[in-house]
Structures are given as structure tokens and as C-alpha cells.
Amino acid sequence: MVKVKVSMTIDDHVYNQFRQYCKNNGMKVSTKVEQLMRESLKNTSLSKFI
């Protein structure tokens, strides 16, 4: 699977909390974001575009 680098602008407070959440749960931020994106696509009508 090919990986793509992305750039996002995220509120620093939200990002820091999310980063700490990931650290506390032994996961990478990028891996968790990808997982959340997959779940979002699977659970919405956006899945028809995949």
C-alpha cells in the first residue's frame, strides 16, 4: 500500500490532547487518524466513492 504525506491545520489544543491520547494508548497519531478516516468512510454514504 502506498502512503501519502498530508499537511493539515489543526487547533493546537485539540492536536496536543489527541497526541497525548495516542501516546497513552501506545499508538501513532497518523495510524489513529487513518483508522478514524476508514471508520468514517465505512459508516457514511462516502463509502460509495471508494
Protein backbone atom coordinates (compact mmCIF):
# COMPACT_ATOMS: atom_id res chain seq x y z
CA MET A 1 0.00 0.00 0.00
CA VAL A 2 1.33 3.41 -0.96
CA LYS A 3 1.37 6.02 1.81
CA VAL A 4 0.77 9.73 1.17
CA LYS A 5 2.10 12.62 3.24
CA VAL A 6 -0.52 15.22 4.11
CA SER A 7 -0.44 18.63 5.72
CA MET A 8 -3.30 19.83 7.93
CA THR A 9 -4.05 22.83 10.06
CA ILE A 10 -5.45 21.75 13.42
CA ASP A 11 -6.12 23.69 16.61
CA ASP A 12 -3.04 23.23 18.80
CA HIS A 13 -5.07 22.38 21.91
CA VAL A 14 -7.00 19.66 20.09
CA TYR A 15 -3.84 18.27 18.49
CA ASN A 16 -1.94 18.18 21.79
CA GLN A 17 -4.80 16.40 23.55
CA PHE A 18 -5.11 13.90 20.70
CA ARG A 19 -1.35 13.33 20.62
CA GLN A 20 -1.37 12.65 24.37
CA TYR A 21 -4.33 10.28 23.95
CA CYS A 22 -2.40 8.35 21.30
CA LYS A 23 0.74 8.28 23.42
CA ASN A 24 -1.19 7.00 26.44
CA ASN A 25 -2.71 4.24 24.31
CA GLY A 26 0.50 3.23 22.54
CA MET A 27 -0.40 4.32 19.03
CA LYS A 28 0.89 6.70 16.40
CA VAL A 29 -1.17 9.79 15.63
CA SER A 30 -1.06 9.03 11.89
CA THR A 31 -2.22 5.45 12.40
CA LYS A 32 -5.16 6.56 14.56
CA VAL A 33 -6.15 9.31 12.10
CA GLU A 34 -6.09 6.76 9.26
CA GLN A 35 -8.25 4.39 11.33
CA LEU A 36 -10.74 7.18 12.07
CA MET A 37 -10.86 8.10 8.38
CA ARG A 38 -11.57 4.48 7.41
CA GLU A 39 -14.35 4.23 10.00
CA SER A 40 -15.85 7.50 8.83
CA LEU A 41 -15.87 6.33 5.23
CA LYS A 42 -17.33 2.97 6.15
CA ASN A 43 -20.10 4.48 8.27
CA THR A 44 -21.31 7.11 5.81
CA SER A 45 -22.52 7.42 2.29
CA LEU A 46 -18.96 8.39 1.34
CA SER A 47 -18.16 4.69 1.07
CA LYS A 48 -19.74 4.63 -2.40
CA PHE A 49 -16.79 6.69 -3.66
CA ILE A 50 -14.17 4.12 -2.63
